[in-house]
Every structure is written in C-alpha cells, then in structure tokens.
C-alpha cells in the first residue's frame, strides 16, 4: 500500500484502537472496582424487592415475535421509499421519471405480495385458529 492510502485509513485505525481501549479499560475497571459480596438475596432471580412467584421458565406466545418482525420488515421497507419520493421531481426533470416510477411500483408490488402472503398464511391474525389446521391433518 502507498503512504497516501495509509493516510486515508488512519482515522479508522485510530477509532478502532480507541474503541478497543475503551472496552478493555471499562471491563478492567469494573472487575477492579466492583464490590464482590455474594449473598442469598443477590442470588435470587429478582433484585427489585419482590419475591419471585412461579418458575422463570414460562410459556411465551411466539405470535408477539412474528408480528413484531413483520412490522419491522414492512416499516423499514416503507422508510426506504421516502428518499425516492423526495427526489422524484428531479428525476422526472432529468427524463428518468418513468424508469423511477416503474422501479418504485415494482418495489411496492413486492411489498404488497409480501403482506398478501403473510395475510394468506394467517400470520397477521392475532389469535390463530387451530380448527383449520386440525381439519387439514384429519384429511
């Protein structure tokens, strides 16, 4: 590599070294300064003053995660449409408006197909009906 190329990479190397130094230094300080007084109270699952009730291993509905992931996917995809919409007028003036519109509409069609797939599969239903799946299994 040429010396000029090293000059461009030097800020990156400095920031990486600083990040590693901060991590190692913070970890070393926490090990050095943290009090080490184990007790029965500290070994309980909660330290908020409440007595634990029941097992820590409880059943959690996976539907929360599925709906959350679907929301994040379509939310991020819709955020990606805003830059195109903001420069569409300039693209139209440059003669690229039709191309940008076709790309934009194809992107929206992929989103619509994705939401239709999730809807058809039943992933958007908050309470999934198990009657339909039982009928399929008995056939």
Protein backbone atom coordinates (compact mmCIF):
# COMPACT_ATOMS: atom_id res chain seq x y z
CA UNK A 1 0.00 0.00 0.00
CA UNK A 2 1.11 3.50 -0.71
CA UNK A 3 1.64 6.02 2.10
CA UNK A 4 -1.25 8.11 0.74
CA UNK A 5 -3.59 5.14 1.21
CA UNK A 6 -2.46 4.79 4.83
CA UNK A 7 -3.38 8.42 5.44
CA UNK A 8 -6.98 7.70 4.46
CA UNK A 9 -7.19 4.66 6.74
CA UNK A 10 -5.52 6.26 9.76
CA UNK A 11 -8.74 7.76 11.27
CA UNK A 12 -10.41 4.35 11.04
CA UNK A 13 -7.46 2.67 12.77
CA UNK A 14 -7.42 5.35 15.48
CA UNK A 15 -11.16 4.96 16.16
CA UNK A 16 -10.87 1.17 16.27
CA UNK A 17 -7.95 1.39 18.72
CA UNK A 18 -9.90 3.89 20.84
CA UNK A 19 -12.96 1.61 20.87
CA UNK A 20 -10.89 -1.41 21.91
CA UNK A 21 -9.11 0.64 24.57
CA UNK A 22 -12.42 1.91 25.99
CA UNK A 23 -13.87 -1.61 26.08
CA UNK A 24 -10.84 -3.22 27.71
CA UNK A 25 -10.38 -0.29 30.10
CA UNK A 26 -14.03 -0.29 31.15
CA UNK A 27 -14.01 -4.02 31.70
CA UNK A 28 -10.78 -3.85 33.72
CA UNK A 29 -12.16 -1.02 35.86
CA UNK A 30 -15.41 -2.88 36.54
CA UNK A 31 -13.52 -6.00 37.61
CA UNK A 32 -11.19 -3.92 39.77
CA UNK A 33 -13.76 -1.62 41.42
CA UNK A 34 -16.95 -3.71 41.60
CA UNK A 35 -17.85 -4.98 45.09
CA UNK A 36 -17.74 -8.73 45.42
CA UNK A 37 -20.09 -9.57 48.27
CA UNK A 38 -22.28 -12.52 47.22
CA UNK A 39 -25.37 -13.09 49.32
CA UNK A 40 -28.54 -15.15 49.27
CA UNK A 41 -30.56 -12.10 48.27
CA UNK A 42 -28.31 -11.42 45.27
CA UNK A 43 -28.62 -15.00 44.07
CA UNK A 44 -32.41 -14.74 43.73
CA UNK A 45 -33.79 -14.10 40.23
CA UNK A 46 -35.06 -10.62 41.13
CA UNK A 47 -33.40 -7.76 42.98
CA UNK A 48 -36.37 -5.40 42.90
CA UNK A 49 -37.69 -6.23 46.36
CA UNK A 50 -40.41 -8.63 45.22
CA UNK A 51 -40.40 -12.30 45.97
CA UNK A 52 -40.27 -14.46 42.84
CA UNK A 53 -43.55 -16.21 42.06
CA UNK A 54 -43.56 -19.34 39.94
CA UNK A 55 -40.90 -20.59 37.59
CA UNK A 56 -38.70 -18.34 35.49
CA UNK A 57 -39.38 -20.69 32.58
CA UNK A 58 -42.82 -19.61 31.45
CA UNK A 59 -44.52 -20.15 28.13
CA UNK A 60 -44.46 -17.08 25.92
CA UNK A 61 -46.59 -16.69 22.83
CA UNK A 62 -44.40 -16.64 19.73
CA UNK A 63 -47.03 -14.53 17.95
CA UNK A 64 -45.60 -11.41 19.58
CA UNK A 65 -42.26 -12.01 17.87
CA UNK A 66 -43.81 -12.87 14.49
CA UNK A 67 -45.99 -9.76 14.43
CA UNK A 68 -43.05 -7.65 15.62
CA UNK A 69 -40.76 -8.98 12.90
CA UNK A 70 -43.37 -8.46 10.20
CA UNK A 71 -43.85 -4.88 11.43
CA UNK A 72 -40.12 -4.19 11.38
CA UNK A 73 -39.72 -5.62 7.87
CA UNK A 74 -42.51 -3.56 6.36
CA UNK A 75 -41.62 -0.47 8.38
CA UNK A 76 -38.03 -0.49 7.14
CA UNK A 77 -39.17 -1.12 3.59
CA UNK A 78 -41.59 1.80 3.73
CA UNK A 79 -38.83 4.07 5.08
CA UNK A 80 -36.77 3.17 2.00
CA UNK A 81 -39.48 4.69 -0.20
CA UNK A 82 -39.13 8.22 1.20
CA UNK A 83 -35.78 9.10 -0.46
CA UNK A 84 -37.12 8.11 -3.88
CA UNK A 85 -40.30 10.09 -3.34
CA UNK A 86 -38.33 13.15 -2.27
CA UNK A 87 -36.20 13.26 -5.44
CA UNK A 88 -38.86 12.04 -7.88
CA UNK A 89 -39.46 15.55 -9.21
CA UNK A 90 -35.77 15.96 -10.05
CA UNK A 91 -35.68 12.51 -11.66
CA UNK A 92 -38.70 13.46 -13.75
CA UNK A 93 -36.99 16.66 -14.90
CA UNK A 94 -33.90 14.68 -15.92
CA UNK A 95 -36.04 12.33 -18.03
CA UNK A 96 -35.75 9.40 -15.63
CA UNK A 97 -39.24 9.75 -14.15
CA UNK A 98 -40.80 6.80 -15.96
CA UNK A 99 -37.92 4.50 -15.03
CA UNK A 100 -38.03 5.63 -11.39
CA UNK A 101 -41.80 5.18 -11.30
CA UNK A 102 -41.54 1.64 -12.69
CA UNK A 103 -38.87 0.71 -10.16
CA UNK A 104 -40.91 2.33 -7.38
CA UNK A 105 -44.07 0.45 -8.40
CA UNK A 106 -42.20 -2.85 -8.64
CA UNK A 107 -40.86 -2.27 -5.13
CA UNK A 108 -44.37 -1.56 -3.85
CA UNK A 109 -45.69 -4.65 -5.65
CA UNK A 110 -43.11 -6.80 -3.83
CA UNK A 111 -44.30 -5.28 -0.54
CA UNK A 112 -47.94 -5.96 -1.43
CA UNK A 113 -47.10 -9.54 -2.39
CA UNK A 114 -45.28 -9.99 0.94
CA UNK A 115 -48.16 -8.64 3.01
CA UNK A 116 -50.65 -10.73 0.99
CA UNK A 117 -48.52 -13.84 1.63
CA UNK A 118 -48.43 -13.13 5.37
CA UNK A 119 -52.16 -12.48 5.39
CA UNK A 120 -52.98 -15.63 3.41
CA UNK A 121 -50.73 -17.70 5.67
CA UNK A 122 -52.53 -16.30 8.72
CA UNK A 123 -49.51 -14.62 10.30
CA UNK A 124 -51.38 -11.35 10.72
CA UNK A 125 -54.16 -12.92 12.79
CA UNK A 126 -53.54 -12.18 16.43
CA UNK A 127 -55.36 -15.33 17.55
CA UNK A 128 -54.63 -18.10 15.10
CA UNK A 129 -57.44 -20.55 14.55
CA UNK A 130 -56.36 -24.14 15.11
CA UNK A 131 -59.62 -25.56 13.75
CA UNK A 132 -58.45 -25.17 10.13
CA UNK A 133 -55.14 -26.89 10.84
CA UNK A 134 -56.96 -29.76 12.60
CA UNK A 135 -59.22 -30.26 9.58
CA UNK A 136 -56.19 -30.40 7.28
CA UNK A 137 -54.48 -33.00 9.46
CA UNK A 138 -57.53 -35.30 9.57
CA UNK A 139 -57.89 -35.41 5.78
